[in-house]
Amino acid sequence: MRKPMNLDLELKDENSTILLGNLLAKALPKQYAGILISLIGEMGAGKTTLVRALLRCLGYNGVVPSPTYTLVEPYEFDCGKIYHIDLYRINTEAELEFLGWSDLSDGMMFVEWPQRIPNVLKRADIEFKINFKKSGRQVNINSLTHDGNVILKEINKYY
């Protein structure tokens, strides 16, 4: 892999987070199965807002709830599956397997609270760290693999 890329952004408001989700959707490769994007941030930081914007940009018109209670929310598109996953209430890799983790590799995964299971965090292609600021949010995006570099390079064209 070439040198990992990173991008630091200030998001002034919810619309800025939606714009970032739209740009992320447009930056995805045609074949995105197996790509894992980790979303790290406190509750209310905008993780679900980012994924919701991406799904809307890809053409999903249904309800996009937070996966806090369901743990996994699946979405299907002509170009593949996307799973929105919340690990906040998962404590072990055994619980992760009970959740059906190994069956989710047929799609792209957006994982909230990946730091709860270190092996998930280690497998990420891109890591979004979203932090509250006095006004808005600070987002640090790091590519961790070649696939991550390709996606982040596309996003970076707009910043």
C-alpha atoms as a PDB file:
ATOM      1  CA  MET A   1       0.000   0.000   0.000  1.00  0.00           C
ATOM      2  CA  ARG A   2       1.122   3.510  -0.672  1.00  0.00           C
ATOM      3  CA  LYS A   3       1.456   5.952   2.163  1.00  0.00           C
ATOM      4  CA  PRO A   4      -1.774   6.091   4.202  1.00  0.00           C
ATOM      5  CA  MET A   5      -3.771   9.255   3.673  1.00  0.00           C
ATOM      6  CA  ASN A   6      -5.614  11.321   6.208  1.00  0.00           C
ATOM      7  CA  LEU A   7      -7.971  14.230   6.035  1.00  0.00           C
ATOM      8  CA  ASP A   8      -9.035  16.588   8.820  1.00  0.00           C
ATOM      9  CA  LEU A   9     -12.324  18.417   8.349  1.00  0.00           C
ATOM     10  CA  GLU A  10     -14.449  20.809  10.317  1.00  0.00           C
ATOM     11  CA  LEU A  11     -18.171  20.182   9.962  1.00  0.00           C
ATOM     12  CA  LYS A  12     -20.091  23.297  10.933  1.00  0.00           C
ATOM     13  CA  ASP A  13     -23.520  21.679  11.151  1.00  0.00           C
ATOM     14  CA  GLU A  14     -25.669  18.687  10.218  1.00  0.00           C
ATOM     15  CA  ASN A  15     -25.752  19.791   6.573  1.00  0.00           C
ATOM     16  CA  SER A  16     -21.945  19.565   6.479  1.00  0.00           C
ATOM     17  CA  THR A  17     -22.152  15.981   7.760  1.00  0.00           C
ATOM     18  CA  ILE A  18     -24.758  15.184   5.092  1.00  0.00           C
ATOM     19  CA  LEU A  19     -22.479  16.653   2.418  1.00  0.00           C
ATOM     20  CA  LEU A  20     -19.610  14.452   3.630  1.00  0.00           C
ATOM     21  CA  GLY A  21     -21.891  11.389   3.486  1.00  0.00           C
ATOM     22  CA  ASN A  22     -22.863  12.304  -0.087  1.00  0.00           C
ATOM     23  CA  LEU A  23     -19.212  12.703  -1.086  1.00  0.00           C
ATOM     24  CA  LEU A  24     -18.379   9.363   0.515  1.00  0.00           C
ATOM     25  CA  ALA A  25     -21.176   7.691  -1.487  1.00  0.00           C
ATOM     26  CA  LYS A  26     -19.807   9.141  -4.712  1.00  0.00           C
ATOM     27  CA  ALA A  27     -16.270   8.036  -3.815  1.00  0.00           C
ATOM     28  CA  LEU A  28     -17.151   4.360  -3.353  1.00  0.00           C
ATOM     29  CA  PRO A  29     -15.763   1.915  -5.899  1.00  0.00           C
ATOM     30  CA  LYS A  30     -18.256  -0.006  -8.051  1.00  0.00           C
ATOM     31  CA  GLN A  31     -17.385  -3.188  -6.148  1.00  0.00           C
ATOM     32  CA  TYR A  32     -17.376  -2.377  -2.462  1.00  0.00           C
ATOM     33  CA  ALA A  33     -18.152  -5.742  -0.840  1.00  0.00           C
ATOM     34  CA  GLY A  34     -15.753  -6.432   2.007  1.00  0.00           C
ATOM     35  CA  ILE A  35     -14.838  -2.800   2.665  1.00  0.00           C
ATOM     36  CA  LEU A  36     -15.125  -1.839   6.321  1.00  0.00           C
ATOM     37  CA  ILE A  37     -15.450   1.748   7.484  1.00  0.00           C
ATOM     38  CA  SER A  38     -15.157   2.370  11.209  1.00  0.00           C
ATOM     39  CA  LEU A  39     -17.069   5.230  12.807  1.00  0.00           C
ATOM     40  CA  ILE A  40     -15.687   6.416  16.123  1.00  0.00           C
ATOM     41  CA  GLY A  41     -17.345   9.146  18.146  1.00  0.00           C
ATOM     42  CA  GLU A  42     -19.507   9.836  21.143  1.00  0.00           C
ATOM     43  CA  MET A  43     -23.257   9.399  21.036  1.00  0.00           C
ATOM     44  CA  GLY A  44     -24.780  12.190  19.012  1.00  0.00           C
ATOM     45  CA  ALA A  45     -21.556  12.961  17.125  1.00  0.00           C
ATOM     46  CA  GLY A  46     -23.124  12.280  13.718  1.00  0.00           C
ATOM     47  CA  LYS A  47     -22.130   8.703  12.868  1.00  0.00           C
ATOM     48  CA  THR A  48     -25.644   7.650  11.856  1.00  0.00           C
ATOM     49  CA  THR A  49     -26.252  10.972  10.087  1.00  0.00           C
ATOM     50  CA  LEU A  50     -23.205  10.278   7.909  1.00  0.00           C
ATOM     51  CA  VAL A  51     -24.396   6.769   6.988  1.00  0.00           C
ATOM     52  CA  ARG A  52     -27.977   7.954   6.433  1.00  0.00           C
ATOM     53  CA  ALA A  53     -26.724  10.609   3.986  1.00  0.00           C
ATOM     54  CA  LEU A  54     -24.644   8.030   2.121  1.00  0.00           C
ATOM     55  CA  LEU A  55     -27.612   5.659   1.826  1.00  0.00           C
ATOM     56  CA  ARG A  56     -29.881   8.465   0.594  1.00  0.00           C
ATOM     57  CA  CYS A  57     -27.289   9.487  -1.987  1.00  0.00           C
ATOM     58  CA  LEU A  58     -27.180   5.889  -3.232  1.00  0.00           C
ATOM     59  CA  GLY A  59     -30.959   6.010  -3.717  1.00  0.00           C
ATOM     60  CA  TYR A  60     -32.380   4.427  -0.559  1.00  0.00           C
ATOM     61  CA  ASN A  61     -35.724   6.044   0.282  1.00  0.00           C
ATOM     62  CA  GLY A  62     -36.865   4.020   3.300  1.00  0.00           C
ATOM     63  CA  VAL A  63     -36.410   4.705   6.998  1.00  0.00           C
ATOM     64  CA  VAL A  64     -32.763   4.692   8.113  1.00  0.00           C
ATOM     65  CA  PRO A  65     -32.748   4.101  11.868  1.00  0.00           C
ATOM     66  CA  SER A  66     -29.735   3.993  14.114  1.00  0.00           C
ATOM     67  CA  PRO A  67     -28.695   0.351  14.619  1.00  0.00           C
ATOM     68  CA  THR A  68     -28.376   0.917  18.372  1.00  0.00           C
ATOM     69  CA  TYR A  69     -31.129  -1.586  19.215  1.00  0.00           C
ATOM     70  CA  THR A  70     -31.163  -3.869  16.167  1.00  0.00           C
ATOM     71  CA  LEU A  71     -27.325  -4.023  16.065  1.00  0.00           C
ATOM     72  CA  VAL A  72     -27.325  -4.588  12.272  1.00  0.00           C
ATOM     73  CA  GLU A  73     -29.354  -2.719   9.664  1.00  0.00           C
ATOM     74  CA  PRO A  74     -28.989  -4.211   6.143  1.00  0.00           C
ATOM     75  CA  TYR A  75     -29.539  -2.297   2.906  1.00  0.00           C
ATOM     76  CA  GLU A  76     -29.505  -3.747  -0.584  1.00  0.00           C
ATOM     77  CA  PHE A  77     -28.650  -1.944  -3.796  1.00  0.00           C
ATOM     78  CA  ASP A  78     -28.103  -3.084  -7.384  1.00  0.00           C
ATOM     79  CA  CYS A  79     -24.368  -2.733  -6.817  1.00  0.00           C
ATOM     80  CA  GLY A  80     -24.308  -4.661  -3.532  1.00  0.00           C
ATOM     81  CA  LYS A  81     -25.181  -4.750   0.141  1.00  0.00           C
ATOM     82  CA  ILE A  82     -24.373  -2.269   2.870  1.00  0.00           C
ATOM     83  CA  TYR A  83     -24.552  -3.122   6.560  1.00  0.00           C
ATOM     84  CA  HIS A  84     -24.806  -0.445   9.244  1.00  0.00           C
ATOM     85  CA  ILE A  85     -23.606  -2.058  12.468  1.00  0.00           C
ATOM     86  CA  ASP A  86     -23.509  -0.847  16.071  1.00  0.00           C
ATOM     87  CA  LEU A  87     -21.147  -2.628  18.479  1.00  0.00           C
ATOM     88  CA  TYR A  88     -21.917  -0.487  21.529  1.00  0.00           C
ATOM     89  CA  ARG A  89     -23.567  -3.407  23.360  1.00  0.00           C
ATOM     90  CA  ILE A  90     -21.148  -6.083  22.078  1.00  0.00           C
ATOM     91  CA  ASN A  91     -18.435  -7.108  24.535  1.00  0.00           C
ATOM     92  CA  THR A  92     -16.651 -10.108  22.999  1.00  0.00           C
ATOM     93  CA  GLU A  93     -15.762 -11.632  19.659  1.00  0.00           C
ATOM     94  CA  ALA A  94     -18.023 -14.582  20.534  1.00  0.00           C
ATOM     95  CA  GLU A  95     -20.980 -12.172  20.764  1.00  0.00           C
ATOM     96  CA  LEU A  96     -19.920 -10.707  17.454  1.00  0.00           C
ATOM     97  CA  GLU A  97     -20.018 -14.145  15.827  1.00  0.00           C
ATOM     98  CA  PHE A  98     -23.424 -14.820  17.404  1.00  0.00           C
ATOM     99  CA  LEU A  99     -24.543 -11.626  15.691  1.00  0.00           C
ATOM    100  CA  GLY A 100     -23.594 -13.229  12.366  1.00  0.00           C
ATOM    101  CA  TRP A 101     -20.451 -11.206  11.736  1.00  0.00           C
ATOM    102  CA  SER A 102     -18.855 -13.702   9.344  1.00  0.00           C
ATOM    103  CA  ASP A 103     -21.969 -13.556   7.119  1.00  0.00           C
ATOM    104  CA  LEU A 104     -21.632  -9.793   6.632  1.00  0.00           C
ATOM    105  CA  SER A 105     -18.499  -9.865   4.473  1.00  0.00           C
ATOM    106  CA  ASP A 106     -20.669 -10.033   1.346  1.00  0.00           C
ATOM    107  CA  GLY A 107     -21.282  -6.300   1.683  1.00  0.00           C
ATOM    108  CA  MET A 108     -19.723  -3.051   2.794  1.00  0.00           C
ATOM    109  CA  MET A 109     -19.794  -2.501   6.547  1.00  0.00           C
ATOM    110  CA  PHE A 110     -20.144   0.770   8.425  1.00  0.00           C
ATOM    111  CA  VAL A 111     -19.319  -0.043  12.026  1.00  0.00           C
ATOM    112  CA  GLU A 112     -20.137   2.265  14.921  1.00  0.00           C
ATOM    113  CA  TRP A 113     -18.179   1.689  18.137  1.00  0.00           C
ATOM    114  CA  PRO A 114     -15.554  -0.587  16.473  1.00  0.00           C
ATOM    115  CA  GLN A 115     -13.143   0.053  19.358  1.00  0.00           C
ATOM    116  CA  ARG A 116     -15.311  -2.296  21.467  1.00  0.00           C
ATOM    117  CA  ILE A 117     -13.797  -5.231  19.510  1.00  0.00           C
ATOM    118  CA  PRO A 118     -10.129  -4.490  18.666  1.00  0.00           C
ATOM    119  CA  ASN A 119      -9.958  -7.011  15.788  1.00  0.00           C
ATOM    120  CA  VAL A 120     -12.774  -5.151  14.034  1.00  0.00           C
ATOM    121  CA  LEU A 121     -10.948  -1.870  14.428  1.00  0.00           C
ATOM    122  CA  LYS A 122      -7.750  -3.435  13.032  1.00  0.00           C
ATOM    123  CA  ARG A 123      -9.603  -4.640   9.918  1.00  0.00           C
ATOM    124  CA  ALA A 124     -10.957  -1.222   8.906  1.00  0.00           C
ATOM    125  CA  ASP A 125     -10.138   0.236   5.508  1.00  0.00           C
ATOM    126  CA  ILE A 126     -11.056   3.753   6.618  1.00  0.00           C
ATOM    127  CA  GLU A 127     -11.478   5.185  10.088  1.00  0.00           C
ATOM    128  CA  PHE A 128     -13.690   8.200  10.775  1.00  0.00           C
ATOM    129  CA  LYS A 129     -13.115   9.851  14.158  1.00  0.00           C
ATOM    130  CA  ILE A 130     -15.821  12.413  14.861  1.00  0.00           C
ATOM    131  CA  ASN A 131     -15.386  14.736  17.830  1.00  0.00           C
ATOM    132  CA  PHE A 132     -17.519  17.517  19.210  1.00  0.00           C
ATOM    133  CA  LYS A 133     -16.144  21.029  18.925  1.00  0.00           C
ATOM    134  CA  LYS A 134     -17.444  24.177  20.518  1.00  0.00           C
ATOM    135  CA  SER A 135     -19.309  24.761  17.270  1.00  0.00           C
ATOM    136  CA  GLY A 136     -19.868  21.728  15.032  1.00  0.00           C
ATOM    137  CA  ARG A 137     -17.669  18.669  14.691  1.00  0.00           C
ATOM    138  CA  GLN A 138     -14.052  17.837  13.924  1.00  0.00           C
ATOM    139  CA  VAL A 139     -13.609  14.781  11.704  1.00  0.00           C
ATOM    140  CA  ASN A 140     -10.327  12.973  11.223  1.00  0.00           C
ATOM    141  CA  ILE A 141     -10.462  10.450   8.374  1.00  0.00           C
ATOM    142  CA  ASN A 142      -7.632   7.943   8.023  1.00  0.00           C
ATOM    143  CA  SER A 143      -7.150   5.432   5.232  1.00  0.00           C
ATOM    144  CA  LEU A 144      -5.683   2.209   6.522  1.00  0.00           C
ATOM    145  CA  THR A 145      -5.561   0.082   3.347  1.00  0.00           C
ATOM    146  CA  HIS A 146      -5.235   0.469  -0.405  1.00  0.00           C
ATOM    147  CA  ASP A 147      -9.053   0.483  -0.750  1.00  0.00           C
ATOM    148  CA  GLY A 148      -9.189   3.173   1.911  1.00  0.00           C
ATOM    149  CA  ASN A 149      -6.634   5.261   0.020  1.00  0.00           C
ATOM    150  CA  VAL A 150      -8.663   5.040  -3.191  1.00  0.00           C
ATOM    151  CA  ILE A 151     -11.851   6.209  -1.446  1.00  0.00           C
ATOM    152  CA  LEU A 152     -10.165   8.962   0.558  1.00  0.00           C
ATOM    153  CA  LYS A 153      -8.347  10.230  -2.537  1.00  0.00           C
ATOM    154  CA  GLU A 154     -11.755  10.719  -4.195  1.00  0.00           C
ATOM    155  CA  ILE A 155     -13.173  12.541  -1.163  1.00  0.00           C
ATOM    156  CA  ASN A 156     -10.069  14.712  -0.940  1.00  0.00           C
ATOM    157  CA  LYS A 157     -10.719  16.086  -4.448  1.00  0.00           C
ATOM    158  CA  TYR A 158     -13.577  18.139  -2.968  1.00  0.00           C
ATOM    159  CA  TYR A 159     -11.667  19.596  -0.004  1.00  0.00           C
END
